[in-house]
Every structure is written in structure tokens, then in C-alpha cells.
Amino acid sequence: MIPLVAISGNAQASDLGSILGGGSDHFKKALPGQSIRLPTDHAAHPDYRSEWWYLTGNLKDEQGRGYGMQWTLFRQGIEQNIKSDNPWLIPQLWLAQFAITDLGKGSHQQDERTSRQGPGLAGASGGQYWLKEWVLASQEESLFPATLKVQSKAGDLDVKVSAVKPAVLQGKLGYSEKSPGNASFY
């Protein structure tokens, strides 16, 4: 179970980019040669248009039944040039998804929620990754150990997570090209 943060930058606006941010794109782009500093870069980067954090895993309950789970937190910047101390005007949208699969029953359930960043409603900083009451929280300076707590219509989860391997940078030292001119730090 290794959560990763991916910071994305697009060379040109797509239809979705136009819907979310208008025609001009003032967000930073993921470019080769930029270094990734962990655990610092696990925090949000609002100067990039989008990023996400996720955790996937295989779990067993107290009776030994097996489950698969996935929790993801997305941040999407929207283009606004608002200068204000009002936390409701922070131009960030957040989406969280949670899914759990009961391997014995062959059932799969999911839930999701969205929010503006607002005053503490969602965010990723200081080892905390949350949208309302869904929270991945680091216990130390590094990302792991951590706890994941989710209360949802798909089920409740309260697990402790430890790393068994070091972080792996994808692509070229964390620069992961998706297509010409489009890449993410991963």
C-alpha cells in the first residue's frame, strides 16, 4: 500500500480544462529536470492545475475475510484571480472516492464526495490529507506510518498503514510523460 501524489501539467487546455479553468492557463507545468523532495512534496501544490493522492490495499477483517480497498483524494485548481482573505474564495475543488470489495461475497461498493476547499473542509498539508471526515493522517514527519479513516455508505474503515518499501519515483526521476507536452510528477 503506497499512496502516491501526482502533480499534473498540461501543455494546452482540453475541453475539461476549458470547463474548469477558462481559456488561458496560468498554472505551472510539470517539466523534466525538476526535483521531487519527499516528504515535503506530498503536500498540495495549488500552483499546478490538478493533483491526487491515493491508497490501495488488500485487507483482512478480524474474522480473516479478505477485502480490496481504494481511497483517492483529487485537487483541481480553477482559474480565478481572487485576492481575498475569505477561505470560501480559495479557488480549489476537491473530490474524494472510496471503494471496498468484499472478496468472499464478490461485491463492490463505492462512495464519493466533493467540496470546495473552504475553511478546513479539504486539503493536503502537514501530513494530513482530507475531505471532510475522510482522512489519511501521517503519524510522523514522513508519510508512514499513517491512519486512514473513512465513514461512508460503502462502509467504514479505520486502518493503520505502514510502508514495507521505500517510495518509488515513476518515469524519469519522478517525471512521468503522458503524451507529448503532457506530464505529471509521480
Protein backbone atom coordinates (compact mmCIF):
# COMPACT_ATOMS: atom_id res chain seq x y z
CA MET A 1 0.00 0.00 0.00
CA ILE A 2 1.85 3.04 -1.24
CA PRO A 3 -0.01 6.32 -1.72
CA LEU A 4 1.43 8.48 -4.41
CA VAL A 5 1.00 12.10 -5.25
CA ALA A 6 0.82 13.07 -8.88
CA ILE A 7 1.05 16.66 -9.97
CA SER A 8 -0.16 17.22 -13.49
CA GLY A 9 0.53 19.92 -16.02
CA ASN A 10 -0.99 20.19 -19.50
CA ALA A 11 0.58 21.92 -22.47
CA GLN A 12 -2.78 23.10 -23.82
CA ALA A 13 -6.28 23.41 -22.46
CA SER A 14 -8.53 20.42 -23.09
CA ASP A 15 -12.32 20.54 -23.12
CA LEU A 16 -12.32 19.65 -19.41
CA GLY A 17 -9.64 22.28 -18.80
CA SER A 18 -11.81 24.85 -20.54
CA ILE A 19 -14.79 23.94 -18.39
CA LEU A 20 -12.80 24.06 -15.15
CA GLY A 21 -10.49 26.92 -15.85
CA GLY A 22 -11.34 29.01 -18.87
CA GLY A 23 -9.22 29.54 -21.95
CA SER A 24 -5.92 30.76 -20.55
CA ASP A 25 -3.90 28.52 -18.29
CA HIS A 26 -1.76 30.26 -15.69
CA PHE A 27 -0.96 27.03 -13.84
CA LYS A 28 2.58 25.64 -13.65
CA LYS A 29 3.51 22.75 -15.93
CA ALA A 30 5.28 19.55 -14.98
CA LEU A 31 8.66 19.85 -16.73
CA PRO A 32 11.61 17.46 -16.86
CA GLY A 33 14.53 18.12 -14.55
CA GLN A 34 12.55 19.40 -11.58
CA SER A 35 13.49 17.52 -8.42
CA ILE A 36 10.98 15.85 -6.12
CA ARG A 37 11.53 16.31 -2.39
CA LEU A 38 9.77 13.84 -0.14
CA PRO A 39 8.04 14.13 2.27
CA THR A 40 7.65 17.87 1.50
CA ASP A 41 6.15 17.24 -1.94
CA HIS A 42 3.40 15.04 -0.51
CA ALA A 43 1.59 18.32 0.32
CA ALA A 44 -0.70 20.18 -2.09
CA HIS A 45 0.72 22.29 -4.91
CA PRO A 46 -2.06 24.79 -5.74
CA ASP A 47 0.08 26.45 -8.41
CA TYR A 48 -0.49 23.29 -10.55
CA ARG A 49 -3.94 22.63 -12.03
CA SER A 50 -4.50 19.13 -10.64
CA GLU A 51 -3.05 16.51 -8.37
CA TRP A 52 -4.15 13.45 -6.48
CA TRP A 53 -3.22 11.18 -3.60
CA TYR A 54 -4.32 7.59 -3.30
CA LEU A 55 -4.05 4.48 -1.22
CA THR A 56 -4.89 0.96 -2.39
CA GLY A 57 -4.60 -2.21 -0.42
CA ASN A 58 -5.63 -5.71 0.48
CA LEU A 59 -7.13 -6.06 3.93
CA LYS A 60 -8.40 -8.77 6.29
CA ASP A 61 -11.00 -8.25 8.99
CA GLU A 62 -10.97 -9.79 12.47
CA GLN A 63 -12.52 -12.99 11.08
CA GLY A 64 -9.87 -13.30 8.34
CA ARG A 65 -12.15 -12.30 5.43
CA GLY A 66 -10.36 -10.59 2.55
CA TYR A 67 -11.12 -7.18 1.08
CA GLY A 68 -9.65 -4.85 -1.50
CA MET A 69 -9.84 -1.11 -0.91
CA GLN A 70 -9.07 2.15 -2.65
CA TRP A 71 -9.14 5.73 -1.35
CA THR A 72 -8.32 8.69 -3.57
CA LEU A 73 -8.24 12.44 -2.99
CA PHE A 74 -8.21 14.78 -6.00
CA ARG A 75 -7.49 18.51 -6.05
CA GLN A 76 -8.45 20.65 -9.04
CA GLY A 77 -7.43 24.28 -9.33
CA ILE A 78 -9.86 26.61 -11.06
CA GLU A 79 -8.75 29.77 -12.73
CA GLN A 80 -9.65 32.73 -10.62
CA ASN A 81 -7.60 35.77 -9.77
CA ILE A 82 -9.24 36.43 -6.44
CA LYS A 83 -7.25 38.26 -3.80
CA SER A 84 -9.13 37.74 -0.56
CA ASP A 85 -8.69 36.52 3.00
CA ASN A 86 -12.06 34.76 2.70
CA PRO A 87 -11.39 30.97 2.85
CA TRP A 88 -14.56 30.30 0.83
CA LEU A 89 -12.93 32.02 -2.14
CA ILE A 90 -9.89 29.71 -2.33
CA PRO A 91 -10.07 28.53 -5.96
CA GLN A 92 -9.66 24.80 -5.28
CA LEU A 93 -12.16 21.97 -5.79
CA TRP A 94 -11.72 18.61 -4.06
CA LEU A 95 -13.14 15.15 -4.77
CA ALA A 96 -12.63 12.02 -2.67
CA GLN A 97 -13.53 8.47 -3.67
CA PHE A 98 -13.63 5.33 -1.55
CA ALA A 99 -14.27 1.78 -2.74
CA ILE A 100 -14.25 -1.56 -0.99
CA THR A 101 -14.52 -5.04 -2.48
CA ASP A 102 -15.61 -8.00 -0.37
CA LEU A 103 -13.63 -10.82 -1.97
CA GLY A 104 -15.70 -13.57 -0.33
CA LYS A 105 -19.04 -12.15 -1.46
CA GLY A 106 -17.76 -10.80 -4.77
CA SER A 107 -19.37 -7.43 -4.02
CA HIS A 108 -18.00 -3.98 -4.74
CA GLN A 109 -19.25 -0.74 -3.20
CA GLN A 110 -18.08 2.82 -3.63
CA ASP A 111 -18.80 6.30 -2.36
CA GLU A 112 -17.56 9.77 -3.22
CA ARG A 113 -17.86 13.33 -2.06
CA THR A 114 -16.88 16.76 -3.26
CA SER A 115 -16.19 20.12 -1.67
CA ARG A 116 -14.66 23.50 -2.17
CA GLN A 117 -11.53 23.88 -0.10
CA GLY A 118 -13.31 26.36 2.15
CA PRO A 119 -12.26 26.85 5.76
CA GLY A 120 -10.70 23.46 6.52
CA LEU A 121 -13.18 21.34 4.52
CA ALA A 122 -10.50 19.72 2.36
CA GLY A 123 -6.77 19.83 1.89
CA ALA A 124 -3.37 18.19 1.84
CA SER A 125 -0.73 19.59 4.18
CA GLY A 126 1.30 18.75 7.24
CA GLY A 127 0.87 15.01 6.75
CA GLN A 128 -2.93 15.31 6.64
CA TYR A 129 -4.97 14.52 3.50
CA TRP A 130 -8.70 15.02 3.93
CA LEU A 131 -12.07 15.84 2.57
CA LYS A 132 -14.41 16.47 5.46
CA GLU A 133 -14.26 13.38 7.73
CA TRP A 134 -12.35 11.15 5.29
CA VAL A 135 -8.75 11.48 6.48
CA LEU A 136 -5.36 9.95 5.74
CA ALA A 137 -3.11 11.18 8.57
CA SER A 138 0.63 10.65 8.91
CA GLN A 139 1.86 9.83 12.39
CA GLU A 140 5.39 11.18 11.88
CA GLU A 141 7.26 13.59 9.60
CA SER A 142 7.41 11.02 6.79
CA LEU A 143 4.22 9.79 5.14
CA PHE A 144 4.21 6.47 7.01
CA PRO A 145 3.08 5.26 9.43
CA ALA A 146 -0.38 6.69 8.86
CA THR A 147 -4.03 6.06 9.62
CA LEU A 148 -6.90 6.09 7.15
CA LYS A 149 -10.38 6.78 8.48
CA VAL A 150 -13.45 6.70 6.25
CA GLN A 151 -17.12 6.69 7.19
CA SER A 152 -19.21 6.18 4.08
CA LYS A 153 -22.25 4.49 2.58
CA ALA A 154 -19.84 1.85 1.21
CA GLY A 155 -18.65 1.04 4.73
CA ASP A 156 -16.44 2.34 7.48
CA LEU A 157 -12.70 1.91 7.58
CA ASP A 158 -10.16 2.70 10.28
CA VAL A 159 -6.75 1.21 9.43
CA LYS A 160 -3.11 1.81 10.26
CA VAL A 161 -0.78 1.82 7.29
CA SER A 162 2.97 1.19 7.28
CA ALA A 163 5.44 1.23 4.41
CA VAL A 164 7.22 -2.01 3.63
CA LYS A 165 9.23 -0.49 0.76
CA PRO A 166 10.64 2.97 0.04
CA ALA A 167 8.83 5.39 -2.29
CA VAL A 168 9.31 4.70 -6.00
CA LEU A 169 9.51 7.60 -8.44
CA GLN A 170 7.79 6.82 -11.75
CA GLY A 171 9.16 7.73 -15.19
CA LYS A 172 12.46 9.63 -15.20
CA LEU A 173 13.19 10.50 -11.56
CA GLY A 174 9.51 11.24 -10.97
CA TYR A 175 8.79 12.99 -14.29
CA SER A 176 6.16 10.85 -16.00
CA GLU A 177 5.34 11.91 -19.55
CA LYS A 178 1.78 11.01 -20.56
CA SER A 179 1.92 12.31 -24.14
CA PRO A 180 3.99 14.96 -25.91
CA GLY A 181 3.72 18.14 -23.84
CA ASN A 182 1.68 16.48 -21.06
CA ALA A 183 3.29 15.07 -17.96
CA SER A 184 2.99 14.69 -14.22
CA PHE A 185 5.30 14.32 -11.25
CA TYR A 186 4.64 10.87 -9.88
